[in-house]
Amino acid sequence: KMSRYLIQKHPDFYEWFSIKEFTWDRTGGDPITQGNRNPLLYKNI
């Protein structure tokens, strides 16, 4: 129910859930890039 609401009411923001990586320019260190943990994003389905 929660997921359906997300997709119905916030379709533009929902597109962010398909982004595969995010880079954070952290304080006190090099930028860190992390991948999305959702394995289905990488299956081409």
All heavy atoms as atom14 arrays in JSON, in Angstrom:
{
  "sequence": "KMSRYLIQKHPDFYEWFSIKEFTWDRTGGDPITQGNRNPLLYKNI",
  "atom14_mask": [
    [1, 1, 1, 1, 1, 1, 1, 1, 1, 0, 0, 0, 0, 0],
    [1, 1, 1, 1, 1, 1, 1, 1, 0, 0, 0, 0, 0, 0],
    [1, 1, 1, 1, 1, 1, 0, 0, 0, 0, 0, 0, 0, 0],
    [1, 1, 1, 1, 1, 1, 1, 1, 1, 1, 1, 0, 0, 0],
    [1, 1, 1, 1, 1, 1, 1, 1, 1, 1, 1, 1, 0, 0],
    [1, 1, 1, 1, 1, 1, 1, 1, 0, 0, 0, 0, 0, 0],
    [1, 1, 1, 1, 1, 1, 1, 1, 0, 0, 0, 0, 0, 0],
    [1, 1, 1, 1, 1, 1, 1, 1, 1, 0, 0, 0, 0, 0],
    [1, 1, 1, 1, 1, 1, 1, 1, 1, 0, 0, 0, 0, 0],
    [1, 1, 1, 1, 1, 1, 1, 1, 1, 1, 0, 0, 0, 0],
    [1, 1, 1, 1, 1, 1, 1, 0, 0, 0, 0, 0, 0, 0],
    [1, 1, 1, 1, 1, 1, 1, 1, 0, 0, 0, 0, 0, 0],
    [1, 1, 1, 1, 1, 1, 1, 1, 1, 1, 1, 0, 0, 0],
    [1, 1, 1, 1, 1, 1, 1, 1, 1, 1, 1, 1, 0, 0],
    [1, 1, 1, 1, 1, 1, 1, 1, 1, 0, 0, 0, 0, 0],
    [1, 1, 1, 1, 1, 1, 1, 1, 1, 1, 1, 1, 1, 1],
    [1, 1, 1, 1, 1, 1, 1, 1, 1, 1, 1, 0, 0, 0],
    [1, 1, 1, 1, 1, 1, 0, 0, 0, 0, 0, 0, 0, 0],
    [1, 1, 1, 1, 1, 1, 1, 1, 0, 0, 0, 0, 0, 0],
    [1, 1, 1, 1, 1, 1, 1, 1, 1, 0, 0, 0, 0, 0],
    [1, 1, 1, 1, 1, 1, 1, 1, 1, 0, 0, 0, 0, 0],
    [1, 1, 1, 1, 1, 1, 1, 1, 1, 1, 1, 0, 0, 0],
    [1, 1, 1, 1, 1, 1, 1, 0, 0, 0, 0, 0, 0, 0],
    [1, 1, 1, 1, 1, 1, 1, 1, 1, 1, 1, 1, 1, 1],
    [1, 1, 1, 1, 1, 1, 1, 1, 0, 0, 0, 0, 0, 0],
    [1, 1, 1, 1, 1, 1, 1, 1, 1, 1, 1, 0, 0, 0],
    [1, 1, 1, 1, 1, 1, 1, 0, 0, 0, 0, 0, 0, 0],
    [1, 1, 1, 1, 0, 0, 0, 0, 0, 0, 0, 0, 0, 0],
    [1, 1, 1, 1, 0, 0, 0, 0, 0, 0, 0, 0, 0, 0],
    [1, 1, 1, 1, 1, 1, 1, 1, 0, 0, 0, 0, 0, 0],
    [1, 1, 1, 1, 1, 1, 1, 0, 0, 0, 0, 0, 0, 0],
    [1, 1, 1, 1, 1, 1, 1, 1, 0, 0, 0, 0, 0, 0],
    [1, 1, 1, 1, 1, 1, 1, 0, 0, 0, 0, 0, 0, 0],
    [1, 1, 1, 1, 1, 1, 1, 1, 1, 0, 0, 0, 0, 0],
    [1, 1, 1, 1, 0, 0, 0, 0, 0, 0, 0, 0, 0, 0],
    [1, 1, 1, 1, 1, 1, 1, 1, 0, 0, 0, 0, 0, 0],
    [1, 1, 1, 1, 1, 1, 1, 1, 1, 1, 1, 0, 0, 0],
    [1, 1, 1, 1, 1, 1, 1, 1, 0, 0, 0, 0, 0, 0],
    [1, 1, 1, 1, 1, 1, 1, 0, 0, 0, 0, 0, 0, 0],
    [1, 1, 1, 1, 1, 1, 1, 1, 0, 0, 0, 0, 0, 0],
    [1, 1, 1, 1, 1, 1, 1, 1, 0, 0, 0, 0, 0, 0],
    [1, 1, 1, 1, 1, 1, 1, 1, 1, 1, 1, 1, 0, 0],
    [1, 1, 1, 1, 1, 1, 1, 1, 1, 0, 0, 0, 0, 0],
    [1, 1, 1, 1, 1, 1, 1, 1, 0, 0, 0, 0, 0, 0],
    [1, 1, 1, 1, 1, 1, 1, 1, 0, 0, 0, 0, 0, 0]
  ],
  "atom14_positions": [
    [[0.83, -1.21, 0.0], [0.0, 0.0, 0.0], [0.87, 1.26, 0.0], [0.59, 2.22, -0.72], [-0.92, 0.0, 1.22], [-2.0, -1.06, 1.21], [-2.8, -1.05, 2.5], [-3.86, -2.15, 2.51], [-4.63, -2.16, 3.78], [0.0, 0.0, 0.0], [0.0, 0.0, 0.0], [0.0, 0.0, 0.0], [0.0, 0.0, 0.0], [0.0, 0.0, 0.0]],
    [[1.91, 1.24, 0.8], [2.83, 2.37, 0.88], [3.55, 2.59, -0.45], [3.69, 3.73, -0.92], [3.83, 2.11, 2.01], [4.92, 3.13, 2.17], [5.9, 2.81, 3.67], [6.72, 1.26, 3.24], [0.0, 0.0, 0.0], [0.0, 0.0, 0.0], [0.0, 0.0, 0.0], [0.0, 0.0, 0.0], [0.0, 0.0, 0.0], [0.0, 0.0, 0.0]],
    [[3.98, 1.51, -1.07], [4.7, 1.6, -2.34], [3.79, 2.12, -3.44], [4.2, 2.93, -4.29], [5.26, 0.23, -2.72], [6.14, -0.26, -1.73], [0.0, 0.0, 0.0], [0.0, 0.0, 0.0], [0.0, 0.0, 0.0], [0.0, 0.0, 0.0], [0.0, 0.0, 0.0], [0.0, 0.0, 0.0], [0.0, 0.0, 0.0], [0.0, 0.0, 0.0]],
    [[2.55, 1.66, -3.45], [1.58, 2.12, -4.45], [1.33, 3.62, -4.3], [1.26, 4.35, -5.29], [0.28, 1.33, -4.29], [-0.81, 1.68, -5.3], [-2.01, 0.76, -5.1], [-3.13, 1.13, -5.94], [-3.29, 0.79, -7.2], [-2.36, 0.02, -7.77], [-4.33, 1.17, -7.91], [0.0, 0.0, 0.0], [0.0, 0.0, 0.0], [0.0, 0.0, 0.0]],
    [[1.21, 4.08, -3.07], [1.02, 5.51, -2.82], [2.21, 6.31, -3.35], [2.04, 7.35, -4.0], [0.85, 5.75, -1.33], [0.75, 7.22, -0.96], [-0.48, 7.88, -0.99], [1.88, 7.95, -0.59], [-0.57, 9.22, -0.65], [1.8, 9.29, -0.26], [0.57, 9.92, -0.29], [0.48, 11.26, 0.03], [0.0, 0.0, 0.0], [0.0, 0.0, 0.0]],
    [[3.4, 5.85, -3.08], [4.6, 6.52, -3.55], [4.57, 6.7, -5.07], [4.81, 7.8, -5.59], [5.84, 5.71, -3.15], [7.16, 6.07, -3.84], [7.62, 7.46, -3.41], [8.23, 5.03, -3.52], [0.0, 0.0, 0.0], [0.0, 0.0, 0.0], [0.0, 0.0, 0.0], [0.0, 0.0, 0.0], [0.0, 0.0, 0.0], [0.0, 0.0, 0.0]],
    [[4.25, 5.64, -5.78], [4.28, 5.69, -7.24], [3.13, 6.53, -7.79], [3.32, 7.29, -8.75], [4.23, 4.26, -7.81], [5.47, 3.48, -7.39], [4.12, 4.28, -9.33], [5.4, 1.99, -7.66], [0.0, 0.0, 0.0], [0.0, 0.0, 0.0], [0.0, 0.0, 0.0], [0.0, 0.0, 0.0], [0.0, 0.0, 0.0], [0.0, 0.0, 0.0]],
    [[1.96, 6.44, -7.18], [0.8, 7.19, -7.65], [0.95, 8.69, -7.39], [0.67, 9.51, -8.26], [-0.47, 6.7, -6.95], [-1.03, 5.41, -7.5], [-2.34, 5.04, -6.8], [-2.49, 5.21, -5.6], [-3.28, 4.51, -7.57], [0.0, 0.0, 0.0], [0.0, 0.0, 0.0], [0.0, 0.0, 0.0], [0.0, 0.0, 0.0], [0.0, 0.0, 0.0]],
    [[1.35, 9.05, -6.18], [1.32, 10.45, -5.76], [2.6, 11.21, -6.04], [2.59, 12.44, -6.11], [1.0, 10.52, -4.26], [-0.34, 9.93, -3.88], [-1.5, 10.65, -4.6], [-2.84, 10.09, -4.17], [-3.97, 10.77, -4.85], [0.0, 0.0, 0.0], [0.0, 0.0, 0.0], [0.0, 0.0, 0.0], [0.0, 0.0, 0.0], [0.0, 0.0, 0.0]],
    [[3.7, 10.5, -6.2], [4.99, 11.18, -6.42], [5.77, 10.53, -7.56], [6.89, 10.06, -7.38], [5.81, 11.14, -5.13], [5.14, 11.79, -3.96], [4.93, 13.15, -3.89], [4.61, 11.27, -2.81], [4.31, 13.45, -2.75], [4.1, 12.33, -2.08], [0.0, 0.0, 0.0], [0.0, 0.0, 0.0], [0.0, 0.0, 0.0], [0.0, 0.0, 0.0]],
    [[5.18, 10.5, -8.76], [5.84, 9.81, -9.88], [7.2, 10.4, -10.25], [8.11, 9.66, -10.63], [4.84, 9.94, -11.04], [3.98, 11.12, -10.66], [3.88, 11.09, -9.16], [0.0, 0.0, 0.0], [0.0, 0.0, 0.0], [0.0, 0.0, 0.0], [0.0, 0.0, 0.0], [0.0, 0.0, 0.0], [0.0, 0.0, 0.0], [0.0, 0.0, 0.0]],
    [[7.35, 11.71, -10.13], [8.64, 12.32, -10.48], [9.72, 11.92, -9.47], [10.84, 11.56, -9.85], [8.52, 13.84, -10.54], [7.66, 14.3, -11.71], [7.51, 13.53, -12.68], [7.12, 15.42, -11.65], [0.0, 0.0, 0.0], [0.0, 0.0, 0.0], [0.0, 0.0, 0.0], [0.0, 0.0, 0.0], [0.0, 0.0, 0.0], [0.0, 0.0, 0.0]],
    [[9.4, 11.98, -8.2], [10.36, 11.57, -7.19], [10.59, 10.06, -7.24], [11.69, 9.6, -6.92], [9.89, 11.98, -5.79], [10.09, 13.43, -5.49], [9.02, 14.2, -5.03], [11.32, 14.03, -5.64], [9.21, 15.54, -4.73], [11.52, 15.38, -5.36], [10.45, 16.13, -4.9], [0.0, 0.0, 0.0], [0.0, 0.0, 0.0], [0.0, 0.0, 0.0]],
    [[9.57, 9.31, -7.63], [9.75, 7.85, -7.7], [10.87, 7.49, -8.67], [11.56, 6.48, -8.48], [8.45, 7.16, -8.11], [8.65, 5.67, -8.29], [8.96, 4.85, -7.2], [8.62, 5.09, -9.55], [9.2, 3.5, -7.35], [8.85, 3.73, -9.71], [9.15, 2.95, -8.62], [9.4, 1.61, -8.79], [0.0, 0.0, 0.0], [0.0, 0.0, 0.0]],
    [[11.1, 8.3, -9.69], [12.18, 8.03, -10.64], [13.53, 7.95, -9.95], [14.45, 7.3, -10.44], [12.19, 9.1, -11.74], [10.97, 9.05, -12.65], [10.99, 10.15, -13.7], [11.99, 10.89, -13.77], [9.99, 10.26, -14.45], [0.0, 0.0, 0.0], [0.0, 0.0, 0.0], [0.0, 0.0, 0.0], [0.0, 0.0, 0.0], [0.0, 0.0, 0.0]],
    [[13.67, 8.59, -8.8], [14.94, 8.54, -8.08], [15.25, 7.13, -7.59], [16.42, 6.79, -7.36], [14.9, 9.48, -6.88], [14.87, 10.94, -7.23], [14.67, 11.49, -8.47], [15.04, 12.04, -6.34], [14.71, 12.86, -8.4], [14.93, 13.23, -7.11], [15.26, 12.15, -4.98], [15.04, 14.5, -6.54], [15.38, 13.41, -4.41], [15.26, 14.57, -5.18]],
    [[14.24, 6.3, -7.43], [14.46, 4.94, -6.93], [15.1, 4.03, -7.99], [15.51, 2.92, -7.66], [13.14, 4.34, -6.44], [12.67, 4.92, -5.13], [12.03, 6.15, -5.09], [12.9, 4.25, -3.94], [11.61, 6.7, -3.89], [12.48, 4.79, -2.73], [11.84, 6.02, -2.71], [0.0, 0.0, 0.0], [0.0, 0.0, 0.0], [0.0, 0.0, 0.0]],
    [[15.18, 4.51, -9.23], [15.83, 3.73, -10.28], [17.29, 4.15, -10.5], [17.99, 3.53, -11.3], [15.07, 3.87, -11.6], [15.12, 5.21, -12.09], [0.0, 0.0, 0.0], [0.0, 0.0, 0.0], [0.0, 0.0, 0.0], [0.0, 0.0, 0.0], [0.0, 0.0, 0.0], [0.0, 0.0, 0.0], [0.0, 0.0, 0.0], [0.0, 0.0, 0.0]],
    [[17.72, 5.2, -9.79], [19.11, 5.66, -9.93], [20.06, 4.6, -9.34], [19.87, 4.15, -8.21], [19.3, 7.02, -9.23], [18.45, 8.08, -9.92], [20.78, 7.42, -9.21], [18.44, 9.42, -9.22], [0.0, 0.0, 0.0], [0.0, 0.0, 0.0], [0.0, 0.0, 0.0], [0.0, 0.0, 0.0], [0.0, 0.0, 0.0], [0.0, 0.0, 0.0]],
    [[21.08, 4.24, -10.09], [21.92, 3.11, -9.7], [23.1, 3.48, -8.81], [23.68, 2.6, -8.17], [22.42, 2.38, -10.95], [21.3, 1.7, -11.74], [21.82, 0.99, -12.97], [20.69, 0.33, -13.74], [21.16, -0.32, -14.98], [0.0, 0.0, 0.0], [0.0, 0.0, 0.0], [0.0, 0.0, 0.0], [0.0, 0.0, 0.0], [0.0, 0.0, 0.0]],
    [[23.49, 4.76, -8.76], [24.58, 5.12, -7.86], [24.47, 6.58, -7.43], [23.84, 7.4, -8.11], [25.94, 4.85, -8.49], [26.26, 5.68, -9.71], [27.66, 5.41, -10.25], [28.14, 4.25, -10.15], [28.28, 6.36, -10.75], [0.0, 0.0, 0.0], [0.0, 0.0, 0.0], [0.0, 0.0, 0.0], [0.0, 0.0, 0.0], [0.0, 0.0, 0.0]],
    [[25.08, 6.87, -6.31], [25.07, 8.21, -5.76], [26.45, 8.52, -5.2], [27.04, 7.7, -4.49], [24.01, 8.32, -4.65], [24.09, 9.6, -3.86], [23.87, 10.83, -4.47], [24.38, 9.58, -2.49], [23.93, 12.01, -3.74], [24.45, 10.75, -1.76], [24.22, 11.97, -2.38], [0.0, 0.0, 0.0], [0.0, 0.0, 0.0], [0.0, 0.0, 0.0]],
    [[26.95, 9.7, -5.53], [28.26, 10.14, -5.04], [28.07, 11.28, -4.05], [27.42, 12.28, -4.36], [29.15, 10.6, -6.2], [29.36, 9.5, -7.1], [30.5, 11.08, -5.69], [0.0, 0.0, 0.0], [0.0, 0.0, 0.0], [0.0, 0.0, 0.0], [0.0, 0.0, 0.0], [0.0, 0.0, 0.0], [0.0, 0.0, 0.0], [0.0, 0.0, 0.0]],
    [[28.66, 11.11, -2.86], [28.59, 12.13, -1.83], [29.98, 12.71, -1.61], [30.93, 11.99, -1.33], [28.04, 11.54, -0.53], [28.15, 12.43, 0.66], [28.8, 12.16, 1.83], [27.6, 13.74, 0.81], [28.69, 13.22, 2.7], [27.95, 14.22, 2.1], [26.85, 14.57, -0.02], [27.58, 15.47, 2.56], [26.47, 15.82, 0.45], [26.83, 16.25, 1.73]],
    [[30.08, 14.03, -1.76], [31.36, 14.72, -1.58], [31.56, 14.97, -0.09], [31.35, 16.05, 0.43], [31.34, 16.04, -2.34], [32.72, 16.68, -2.4], [33.69, 16.03, -1.97], [32.81, 17.84, -2.86], [0.0, 0.0, 0.0], [0.0, 0.0, 0.0], [0.0, 0.0, 0.0], [0.0, 0.0, 0.0], [0.0, 0.0, 0.0], [0.0, 0.0, 0.0]],
    [[31.96, 13.93, 0.61], [31.97, 13.96, 2.07], [33.07, 14.86, 2.64], [34.09, 15.12, 2.0], [32.15, 12.54, 2.62], [33.38, 11.82, 2.13], [33.49, 10.44, 2.73], [34.53, 9.67, 2.06], [35.09, 8.59, 2.59], [34.72, 8.17, 3.78], [36.02, 7.94, 1.93], [0.0, 0.0, 0.0], [0.0, 0.0, 0.0], [0.0, 0.0, 0.0]],
    [[32.82, 15.3, 3.86], [33.78, 16.12, 4.59], [34.93, 15.25, 5.09], [34.72, 14.16, 5.62], [33.09, 16.79, 5.79], [31.99, 17.57, 5.32], [34.06, 17.68, 6.55], [0.0, 0.0, 0.0], [0.0, 0.0, 0.0], [0.0, 0.0, 0.0], [0.0, 0.0, 0.0], [0.0, 0.0, 0.0], [0.0, 0.0, 0.0], [0.0, 0.0, 0.0]],
    [[36.14, 15.72, 4.91], [37.3, 15.03, 5.48], [37.72, 13.78, 4.74], [38.37, 12.92, 5.33], [0.0, 0.0, 0.0], [0.0, 0.0, 0.0], [0.0, 0.0, 0.0], [0.0, 0.0, 0.0], [0.0, 0.0, 0.0], [0.0, 0.0, 0.0], [0.0, 0.0, 0.0], [0.0, 0.0, 0.0], [0.0, 0.0, 0.0], [0.0, 0.0, 0.0]],
    [[37.38, 13.68, 3.47], [37.79, 12.5, 2.71], [37.4, 12.63, 1.26], [36.75, 13.6, 0.85], [0.0, 0.0, 0.0], [0.0, 0.0, 0.0], [0.0, 0.0, 0.0], [0.0, 0.0, 0.0], [0.0, 0.0, 0.0], [0.0, 0.0, 0.0], [0.0, 0.0, 0.0], [0.0, 0.0, 0.0], [0.0, 0.0, 0.0], [0.0, 0.0, 0.0]],
    [[37.84, 11.67, 0.47], [37.49, 11.7, -0.95], [36.0, 11.45, -1.13], [35.35, 10.82, -0.28], [38.28, 10.61, -1.69], [39.78, 10.89, -1.7], [40.15, 12.08, -1.65], [40.56, 9.91, -1.74], [0.0, 0.0, 0.0], [0.0, 0.0, 0.0], [0.0, 0.0, 0.0], [0.0, 0.0, 0.0], [0.0, 0.0, 0.0], [0.0, 0.0, 0.0]],
    [[35.42, 11.93, -2.24], [34.02, 11.62, -2.53], [33.8, 10.11, -2.53], [34.68, 9.34, -2.95], [33.81, 12.2, -3.93], [34.84, 13.28, -4.05], [36.03, 12.78, -3.28], [0.0, 0.0, 0.0], [0.0, 0.0, 0.0], [0.0, 0.0, 0.0], [0.0, 0.0, 0.0], [0.0, 0.0, 0.0], [0.0, 0.0, 0.0], [0.0, 0.0, 0.0]],
    [[32.65, 9.69, -2.03], [32.35, 8.27, -1.96], [31.14, 7.97, -2.84], [30.1, 8.62, -2.75], [32.11, 7.81, -0.51], [31.85, 6.3, -0.48], [30.99, 8.58, 0.16], [31.89, 5.71, 0.92], [0.0, 0.0, 0.0], [0.0, 0.0, 0.0], [0.0, 0.0, 0.0], [0.0, 0.0, 0.0], [0.0, 0.0, 0.0], [0.0, 0.0, 0.0]],
    [[31.3, 6.99, -3.72], [30.22, 6.58, -4.62], [29.71, 5.22, -4.17], [30.48, 4.29, -3.97], [30.71, 6.49, -6.07], [31.15, 7.78, -6.5], [29.6, 6.01, -6.99], [0.0, 0.0, 0.0], [0.0, 0.0, 0.0], [0.0, 0.0, 0.0], [0.0, 0.0, 0.0], [0.0, 0.0, 0.0], [0.0, 0.0, 0.0], [0.0, 0.0, 0.0]],
    [[28.4, 5.13, -4.03], [27.77, 3.87, -3.62], [26.69, 3.49, -4.62], [25.98, 4.34, -5.16], [27.15, 4.01, -2.22], [28.16, 4.32, -1.14], [27.52, 4.29, 0.23], [27.2, 3.24, 0.77], [27.33, 5.48, 0.8], [0.0, 0.0, 0.0], [0.0, 0.0, 0.0], [0.0, 0.0, 0.0], [0.0, 0.0, 0.0], [0.0, 0.0, 0.0]],
    [[26.57, 2.19, -4.83], [25.58, 1.69, -5.77], [24.26, 1.37, -5.08], [24.21, 1.1, -3.88], [0.0, 0.0, 0.0], [0.0, 0.0, 0.0], [0.0, 0.0, 0.0], [0.0, 0.0, 0.0], [0.0, 0.0, 0.0], [0.0, 0.0, 0.0], [0.0, 0.0, 0.0], [0.0, 0.0, 0.0], [0.0, 0.0, 0.0], [0.0, 0.0, 0.0]],
    [[23.19, 1.41, -5.84], [21.88, 1.02, -5.34], [21.88, -0.46, -5.01], [22.37, -1.29, -5.8], [20.81, 1.34, -6.39], [19.41, 1.35, -5.82], [18.99, 0.43, -5.13], [18.67, 2.4, -6.15], [0.0, 0.0, 0.0], [0.0, 0.0, 0.0], [0.0, 0.0, 0.0], [0.0, 0.0, 0.0], [0.0, 0.0, 0.0], [0.0, 0.0, 0.0]],
    [[21.31, -0.84, -3.88], [21.33, -2.24, -3.43], [20.24, -3.09, -4.06], [20.2, -4.3, -3.83], [21.22, -2.29, -1.91], [22.46, -1.78, -1.19], [22.19, -1.51, 0.28], [23.4, -1.26, 1.04], [24.11, -0.14, 1.01], [23.71, 0.85, 0.22], [25.21, 0.0, 1.73], [0.0, 0.0, 0.0], [0.0, 0.0, 0.0], [0.0, 0.0, 0.0]],
    [[19.35, -2.49, -4.83], [18.26, -3.25, -5.44], [18.81, -4.07, -6.61], [19.17, -3.52, -7.66], [17.17, -2.3, -5.94], [15.97, -3.02, -6.52], [15.99, -4.23, -6.73], [14.91, -2.27, -6.78], [0.0, 0.0, 0.0], [0.0, 0.0, 0.0], [0.0, 0.0, 0.0], [0.0, 0.0, 0.0], [0.0, 0.0, 0.0], [0.0, 0.0, 0.0]],
    [[18.87, -5.4, -6.48], [19.49, -6.22, -7.53], [18.7, -6.24, -8.84], [19.27, -6.49, -9.9], [19.52, -7.62, -6.9], [18.36, -7.63, -5.94], [18.32, -6.23, -5.38], [0.0, 0.0, 0.0], [0.0, 0.0, 0.0], [0.0, 0.0, 0.0], [0.0, 0.0, 0.0], [0.0, 0.0, 0.0], [0.0, 0.0, 0.0], [0.0, 0.0, 0.0]],
    [[17.41, -5.97, -8.79], [16.59, -6.04, -10.0], [16.87, -4.9, -10.96], [16.57, -5.02, -12.15], [15.1, -6.07, -9.63], [14.63, -7.2, -8.72], [13.1, -7.24, -8.68], [15.19, -8.54, -9.16], [0.0, 0.0, 0.0], [0.0, 0.0, 0.0], [0.0, 0.0, 0.0], [0.0, 0.0, 0.0], [0.0, 0.0, 0.0], [0.0, 0.0, 0.0]],
    [[17.45, -3.81, -10.47], [17.78, -2.7, -11.36], [18.83, -3.09, -12.39], [18.96, -2.44, -13.43], [18.29, -1.5, -10.54], [17.31, -0.84, -9.57], [17.99, 0.33, -8.88], [16.04, -0.39, -10.28], [0.0, 0.0, 0.0], [0.0, 0.0, 0.0], [0.0, 0.0, 0.0], [0.0, 0.0, 0.0], [0.0, 0.0, 0.0], [0.0, 0.0, 0.0]],
    [[19.57, -4.14, -12.11], [20.68, -4.54, -12.98], [20.32, -5.74, -13.86], [21.18, -6.28, -14.54], [21.91, -4.87, -12.13], [22.26, -3.77, -11.15], [21.78, -3.78, -9.85], [23.05, -2.69, -11.56], [22.09, -2.77, -8.95], [23.37, -1.67, -10.66], [22.89, -1.71, -9.36], [23.19, -0.7, -8.48], [0.0, 0.0, 0.0], [0.0, 0.0, 0.0]],
    [[19.05, -6.15, -13.87], [18.65, -7.36, -14.58], [18.02, -7.1, -15.96], [17.65, -8.03, -16.66], [17.65, -8.16, -13.74], [18.29, -8.95, -12.6], [17.25, -9.77, -11.87], [17.89, -10.71, -10.86], [18.67, -11.8, -11.52], [0.0, 0.0, 0.0], [0.0, 0.0, 0.0], [0.0, 0.0, 0.0], [0.0, 0.0, 0.0], [0.0, 0.0, 0.0]],
    [[17.83, -5.85, -16.33], [17.25, -5.52, -17.63], [15.87, -6.16, -17.83], [15.56, -6.7, -18.89], [18.2, -5.96, -18.77], [17.83, -5.31, -20.09], [17.33, -4.18, -20.12], [18.06, -6.03, -21.18], [0.0, 0.0, 0.0], [0.0, 0.0, 0.0], [0.0, 0.0, 0.0], [0.0, 0.0, 0.0], [0.0, 0.0, 0.0], [0.0, 0.0, 0.0]],
    [[15.04, -6.08, -16.78], [13.67, -6.62, -16.89], [12.63, -5.52, -16.78], [11.43, -5.79, -16.73], [13.4, -7.68, -15.81], [13.55, -7.09, -14.4], [14.31, -8.89, -16.0], [13.12, -8.03, -13.29], [0.0, 0.0, 0.0], [0.0, 0.0, 0.0], [0.0, 0.0, 0.0], [0.0, 0.0, 0.0], [0.0, 0.0, 0.0], [0.0, 0.0, 0.0]]
  ]
}
